[in-house]
């Protein structure tokens, strides 16, 4: 009877892990959409002859929102890494964790590149 309980507990831990991974993936997808919206807003602003103050405010709000989202994702991904190191997790879990970390790094690089491109395009006008 104890063996079945242990198996159930490990399945529950696995299920919780994958639920957490899916939540992080959804958050990363939302982050990617926000970055895409930022890129569109920047393109719109650059195509206008006169930039409206509300457009600048929206752009700043988008950038602040993205920064907050990244700051909230970093510790969540780090926590998975810590949990995996402590639990001697399976290869599947380690792969999932590496993928999440890679996606977050890609999103941060995309955001930084978007900001750099926008600044260079603004300065060349």
Protein backbone atom coordinates (compact mmCIF):
# COMPACT_ATOMS: atom_id res chain seq x y z
CA UNK A 1 0.00 0.00 0.00
CA UNK A 2 2.87 2.40 0.74
CA UNK A 3 4.40 1.79 -2.70
CA UNK A 4 1.22 2.95 -4.44
CA UNK A 5 1.16 6.05 -2.26
CA UNK A 6 4.75 6.89 -3.20
CA UNK A 7 3.93 6.40 -6.88
CA UNK A 8 0.90 8.68 -6.52
CA UNK A 9 2.98 11.32 -4.75
CA UNK A 10 5.63 11.27 -7.48
CA UNK A 11 2.95 11.52 -10.16
CA UNK A 12 1.47 14.48 -8.35
CA UNK A 13 4.88 16.16 -8.22
CA UNK A 14 5.33 15.52 -11.95
CA UNK A 15 1.90 16.87 -12.71
CA UNK A 16 2.61 19.96 -10.64
CA UNK A 17 5.90 20.45 -12.44
CA UNK A 18 4.27 20.27 -15.87
CA UNK A 19 1.45 22.58 -14.78
CA UNK A 20 4.08 25.08 -13.65
CA UNK A 21 5.97 24.67 -16.93
CA UNK A 22 2.78 25.26 -18.92
CA UNK A 23 2.03 28.40 -16.92
CA UNK A 24 5.52 29.68 -17.66
CA UNK A 25 5.13 28.88 -21.36
CA UNK A 26 1.88 30.82 -21.44
CA UNK A 27 3.61 33.74 -19.73
CA UNK A 28 6.43 33.59 -22.27
CA UNK A 29 3.88 33.58 -25.10
CA UNK A 30 2.20 36.62 -23.57
CA UNK A 31 5.60 38.31 -23.31
CA UNK A 32 6.29 37.60 -26.96
CA UNK A 33 2.93 39.16 -27.91
CA UNK A 34 3.74 42.25 -25.84
CA UNK A 35 7.09 42.62 -27.58
CA UNK A 36 5.37 42.25 -30.95
CA UNK A 37 2.87 44.97 -29.93
CA UNK A 38 5.79 47.17 -28.91
CA UNK A 39 7.42 46.67 -32.30
CA UNK A 40 4.18 47.60 -34.05
CA UNK A 41 3.75 50.69 -31.89
CA UNK A 42 7.31 51.77 -32.60
CA UNK A 43 6.77 51.34 -36.33
CA UNK A 44 3.58 53.38 -36.13
CA UNK A 45 5.31 56.16 -34.22
CA UNK A 46 8.22 56.24 -36.64
CA UNK A 47 5.88 56.48 -39.62
CA UNK A 48 4.08 59.54 -38.24
CA UNK A 49 5.34 63.00 -39.04
CA UNK A 50 4.29 64.32 -35.64
CA UNK A 51 4.23 62.00 -32.66
CA UNK A 52 1.28 62.49 -30.36
CA UNK A 53 2.07 62.63 -26.63
CA UNK A 54 -0.40 59.80 -25.93
CA UNK A 55 1.51 57.56 -28.36
CA UNK A 56 4.71 58.21 -26.46
CA UNK A 57 2.94 57.41 -23.19
CA UNK A 58 1.56 54.17 -24.64
CA UNK A 59 5.03 53.23 -25.85
CA UNK A 60 6.54 53.88 -22.42
CA UNK A 61 3.73 51.91 -20.77
CA UNK A 62 4.36 48.96 -23.10
CA UNK A 63 8.08 48.99 -22.33
CA UNK A 64 7.44 49.21 -18.58
CA UNK A 65 4.94 46.36 -18.80
CA UNK A 66 7.45 44.18 -20.66
CA UNK A 67 10.17 44.95 -18.12
CA UNK A 68 7.85 44.03 -15.24
CA UNK A 69 6.84 40.83 -16.99
CA UNK A 70 10.49 39.85 -17.50
CA UNK A 71 11.29 40.64 -13.87
CA UNK A 72 8.41 38.41 -12.75
CA UNK A 73 9.46 35.53 -15.02
CA UNK A 74 13.14 35.41 -14.08
CA UNK A 75 12.66 34.20 -10.49
CA UNK A 76 10.00 31.69 -11.54
CA UNK A 77 12.35 30.09 -14.07
CA UNK A 78 15.19 30.22 -11.55
CA UNK A 79 12.99 28.46 -8.97
CA UNK A 80 12.43 25.56 -11.35
CA UNK A 81 16.19 25.28 -11.81
CA UNK A 82 16.72 25.23 -8.04
CA UNK A 83 14.00 22.61 -7.56
CA UNK A 84 15.49 20.41 -10.27
CA UNK A 85 18.97 20.62 -8.80
CA UNK A 86 17.62 19.61 -5.41
CA UNK A 87 15.45 16.73 -6.66
CA UNK A 88 17.78 15.07 -9.19
CA UNK A 89 15.05 15.40 -11.77
CA UNK A 90 14.59 13.36 -14.89
CA UNK A 91 16.05 14.33 -18.24
CA UNK A 92 12.62 15.44 -19.43
CA UNK A 93 12.30 17.94 -16.60
CA UNK A 94 15.81 19.24 -17.15
CA UNK A 95 15.09 19.67 -20.85
CA UNK A 96 11.88 21.54 -20.07
CA UNK A 97 13.75 23.83 -17.71
CA UNK A 98 16.52 24.51 -20.22
CA UNK A 99 13.92 25.28 -22.87
CA UNK A 100 12.14 27.77 -20.60
CA UNK A 101 15.41 29.46 -19.69
CA UNK A 102 16.35 29.65 -23.37
CA UNK A 103 12.96 31.11 -24.33
CA UNK A 104 13.20 33.74 -21.61
CA UNK A 105 16.71 34.68 -22.74
CA UNK A 106 15.49 34.90 -26.34
CA UNK A 107 12.63 37.19 -25.30
CA UNK A 108 14.98 39.43 -23.32
CA UNK A 109 17.34 39.64 -26.29
CA UNK A 110 14.45 40.41 -28.64
CA UNK A 111 13.22 43.15 -26.32
CA UNK A 112 16.69 44.67 -26.03
CA UNK A 113 17.21 44.49 -29.79
CA UNK A 114 13.83 46.12 -30.36
CA UNK A 115 14.81 49.00 -28.09
CA UNK A 116 18.19 49.42 -29.77
CA UNK A 117 16.69 49.42 -33.26
CA UNK A 118 14.05 51.93 -32.25
CA UNK A 119 16.61 54.28 -30.71
CA UNK A 120 18.84 54.08 -33.76
CA UNK A 121 15.90 54.74 -36.10
CA UNK A 122 14.78 57.70 -34.00
CA UNK A 123 18.27 59.20 -33.92
CA UNK A 124 18.64 58.87 -37.71
CA UNK A 125 15.48 60.88 -38.36
